[in-house]
Protein backbone atom coordinates (compact mmCIF):
# COMPACT_ATOMS: atom_id res chain seq x y z
CA MET A 1 2.90 14.45 4.63
CA ARG A 2 0.49 17.12 3.40
CA LEU A 3 1.03 20.83 2.81
CA PHE A 4 -1.87 23.24 3.35
CA ASN A 5 -2.43 26.96 2.96
CA GLU A 6 -3.94 28.53 6.10
CA LEU A 7 -6.52 30.31 3.95
CA ASN A 8 -7.77 26.95 2.64
CA PRO A 9 -7.05 24.29 5.30
CA ASP A 10 -9.37 21.69 3.79
CA GLN A 11 -7.60 21.37 0.43
CA PRO A 12 -3.96 20.22 0.46
CA ILE A 13 -1.56 21.96 -1.88
CA THR A 14 0.59 18.86 -2.17
CA ALA A 15 1.02 15.44 -0.61
CA ILE A 16 4.33 13.67 -0.15
CA GLU A 17 4.61 9.98 0.66
CA LEU A 18 7.34 9.13 3.14
CA LYS A 19 8.83 5.77 2.28
CA SER A 20 12.16 4.75 3.73
CA SER A 21 13.64 8.18 4.47
CA PRO A 22 12.38 10.48 7.20
CA PHE A 23 13.56 13.51 5.19
CA PHE A 24 11.53 15.23 2.51
CA PHE A 25 11.53 18.39 0.42
CA LEU A 26 8.47 20.48 -0.26
CA PRO A 27 7.89 21.90 -3.72
CA ALA A 28 8.95 25.50 -4.27
CA LEU A 29 6.55 27.98 -2.70
CA PRO A 30 6.36 31.66 -3.56
CA ILE A 31 7.91 33.99 -0.98
CA ASP A 32 4.66 35.81 -0.29
CA ASN A 33 4.58 36.00 3.55
CA ARG A 34 1.55 33.71 3.64
CA ASN A 35 1.14 31.15 6.37
CA TYR A 36 1.30 27.46 5.49
CA PHE A 37 1.27 24.35 7.58
CA ILE A 38 2.34 20.76 7.10
CA ARG A 39 0.68 17.79 8.76
CA LEU A 40 1.83 14.21 9.03
CA GLU A 41 -0.93 11.68 8.34
CA SER A 42 -0.38 8.10 9.39
CA SER A 43 -1.84 4.84 8.15
CA LEU A 44 -1.33 3.16 11.54
CA SER A 45 -4.44 1.68 13.13
CA ASN A 46 -5.94 3.71 15.96
CA ASN A 47 -6.95 0.41 17.60
CA LEU A 48 -3.36 -0.82 17.86
CA TYR A 49 -1.47 2.46 18.32
CA GLU A 50 -1.98 5.67 20.20
CA PHE A 51 -0.51 8.73 18.51
CA GLU A 52 -1.04 12.36 17.73
CA THR A 53 -0.67 13.64 14.19
CA PRO A 54 2.01 16.34 14.35
CA SER A 55 1.74 19.55 12.40
CA LYS A 56 3.83 22.70 12.07
CA SER A 57 3.02 26.08 10.63
CA PHE A 58 5.47 28.44 8.95
CA ARG A 59 5.52 31.71 7.05
CA ALA A 60 6.82 31.71 3.49
CA ASN A 61 9.27 34.62 3.94
CA THR A 62 12.63 32.92 3.30
CA SER A 63 14.10 30.76 0.55
CA HIS A 64 14.39 27.71 2.82
CA ILE A 65 13.27 26.52 6.24
CA HIS A 66 13.99 23.42 8.29
CA LEU A 67 11.15 21.89 10.29
CA THR A 68 11.20 18.87 12.58
CA LEU A 69 8.07 16.87 13.32
CA ASN A 70 8.11 14.41 16.19
CA PHE A 71 6.00 11.31 15.64
CA ASN A 72 6.10 8.80 18.47
CA PRO A 73 3.34 6.22 18.22
CA LYS A 74 2.83 4.10 21.31
CA SER A 75 1.65 0.55 21.00
CA ARG A 76 -1.56 -0.16 22.89
CA ILE A 77 -0.19 -3.64 23.64
CA ASN A 78 2.55 -2.16 25.82
CA MET A 79 0.08 0.19 27.47
CA ASN A 80 -2.06 -2.77 28.57
CA SER A 81 0.78 -4.88 30.00
CA GLY A 82 1.09 -7.05 26.92
CA ASN A 83 -2.62 -7.79 26.63
CA TYR A 84 -5.05 -6.68 23.97
CA ASN A 85 -8.31 -5.05 24.89
CA GLU A 86 -11.40 -7.15 24.19
CA GLN A 87 -12.32 -4.62 21.54
CA ASP A 88 -9.03 -5.15 19.67
CA ILE A 89 -9.60 -8.88 19.08
CA SER A 90 -12.32 -9.82 16.68
CA HIS A 91 -14.46 -12.83 17.49
CA GLY A 92 -13.50 -14.41 14.20
CA SER A 93 -9.89 -14.70 15.28
CA ILE A 94 -10.92 -16.32 18.56
CA TYR A 95 -12.89 -19.09 16.84
CA THR A 96 -10.44 -19.64 14.00
CA LEU A 97 -7.67 -21.30 16.03
CA PRO A 98 -9.81 -24.06 17.63
CA LEU A 99 -11.47 -24.71 14.27
CA LEU A 100 -8.08 -25.10 12.57
CA ILE A 101 -6.87 -27.44 15.33
CA LEU A 102 -10.00 -29.58 14.97
CA LEU A 103 -9.63 -29.67 11.19
CA THR A 104 -5.96 -30.69 11.50
CA ILE A 105 -6.87 -33.54 13.88
CA LEU A 106 -9.56 -34.72 11.47
CA VAL A 107 -7.15 -34.73 8.52
CA TYR A 108 -4.43 -36.67 10.35
CA ASN A 109 -6.88 -39.24 11.76
CA TYR A 110 -8.96 -39.66 8.62
CA ASN A 111 -8.68 -43.49 8.60
CA LYS A 112 -10.02 -43.73 12.16
CA ILE A 113 -12.74 -41.11 11.75
CA SER A 114 -14.11 -42.07 8.31
CA PRO A 115 -16.10 -45.16 9.53
CA VAL A 116 -17.72 -43.08 12.28
CA LEU A 117 -18.51 -40.33 9.78
CA VAL A 118 -20.07 -42.85 7.35
CA GLN A 119 -22.24 -44.31 10.16
CA PHE A 120 -23.36 -40.83 11.16
CA LEU A 121 -24.29 -39.93 7.57
CA ASN A 122 -26.22 -43.23 7.20
CA PHE A 123 -28.12 -42.49 10.41
CA VAL A 124 -29.02 -38.99 9.19
CA ASN A 125 -30.19 -40.37 5.83
CA ARG A 126 -32.35 -43.08 7.49
CA PHE A 127 -33.84 -40.52 9.87
CA ASN A 128 -34.70 -38.18 6.96
CA ASN A 129 -36.16 -41.07 4.91
CA GLU A 130 -38.33 -42.25 7.83
CA ARG A 131 -39.56 -38.73 8.48
CA LEU A 132 -40.36 -38.26 4.79
CA ALA A 133 -42.21 -41.61 4.68
CA ASN A 134 -44.20 -40.73 7.81
CA SER A 135 -45.15 -37.34 6.41
CA GLU A 136 -46.29 -38.94 3.13
CA ASN A 137 -48.40 -41.52 5.01
CA GLY A 138 -49.83 -38.77 7.16
CA ASN A 139 -50.82 -36.75 4.09
CA ASN A 140 -52.57 -39.75 2.47
CA SER A 141 -54.53 -40.64 5.62
CA SER A 142 -55.64 -37.04 6.07
CA LEU A 143 -56.89 -36.98 2.45
CA ILE A 144 -58.83 -40.20 3.01
CA ALA A 145 -60.28 -38.84 6.24
CA LYS A 146 -61.38 -35.66 4.49
CA ARG A 147 -63.14 -37.66 1.79
CA LYS A 148 -65.03 -39.77 4.33
CA THR A 149 -66.23 -36.84 6.41
CA LYS A 150 -68.02 -35.12 3.54
CA SER A 151 -71.75 -35.47 3.84
CA LYS A 152 -74.05 -35.91 0.88
CA LYS A 153 -76.94 -33.56 0.31
CA ILE A 154 -80.33 -35.18 -0.35
């Protein structure tokens, strides 16, 4: 909850954090007939809730005043028949569940999967070694070919 002077609406006079009680007291204001307003600011996500930030204005001409602000956020889940919009779900959360399921299956079946994993790693290592050996042989033959093709000047 923030209190503002109408002459300076960008700078709050005070801010009050509402915790467990919906009631609050403002600090003492001078009775100077100036206009003030209070505005409720929410930390709810605009992606998950639809709401308007309520505000009320009052004139400081009495020793006390009672104001009621109505704040009724509506869940966007209920507005969409229990379904999230595509924009509300990040792609990371979509891919996380299948990845966790796959990881869980791998952990519980480690004894069955480890021989297959070792064979796969051996195959990858042999493939990389053969490719490295072929590239080294190719480099040597190209050097030899370059040496032979040079002509001598007479």
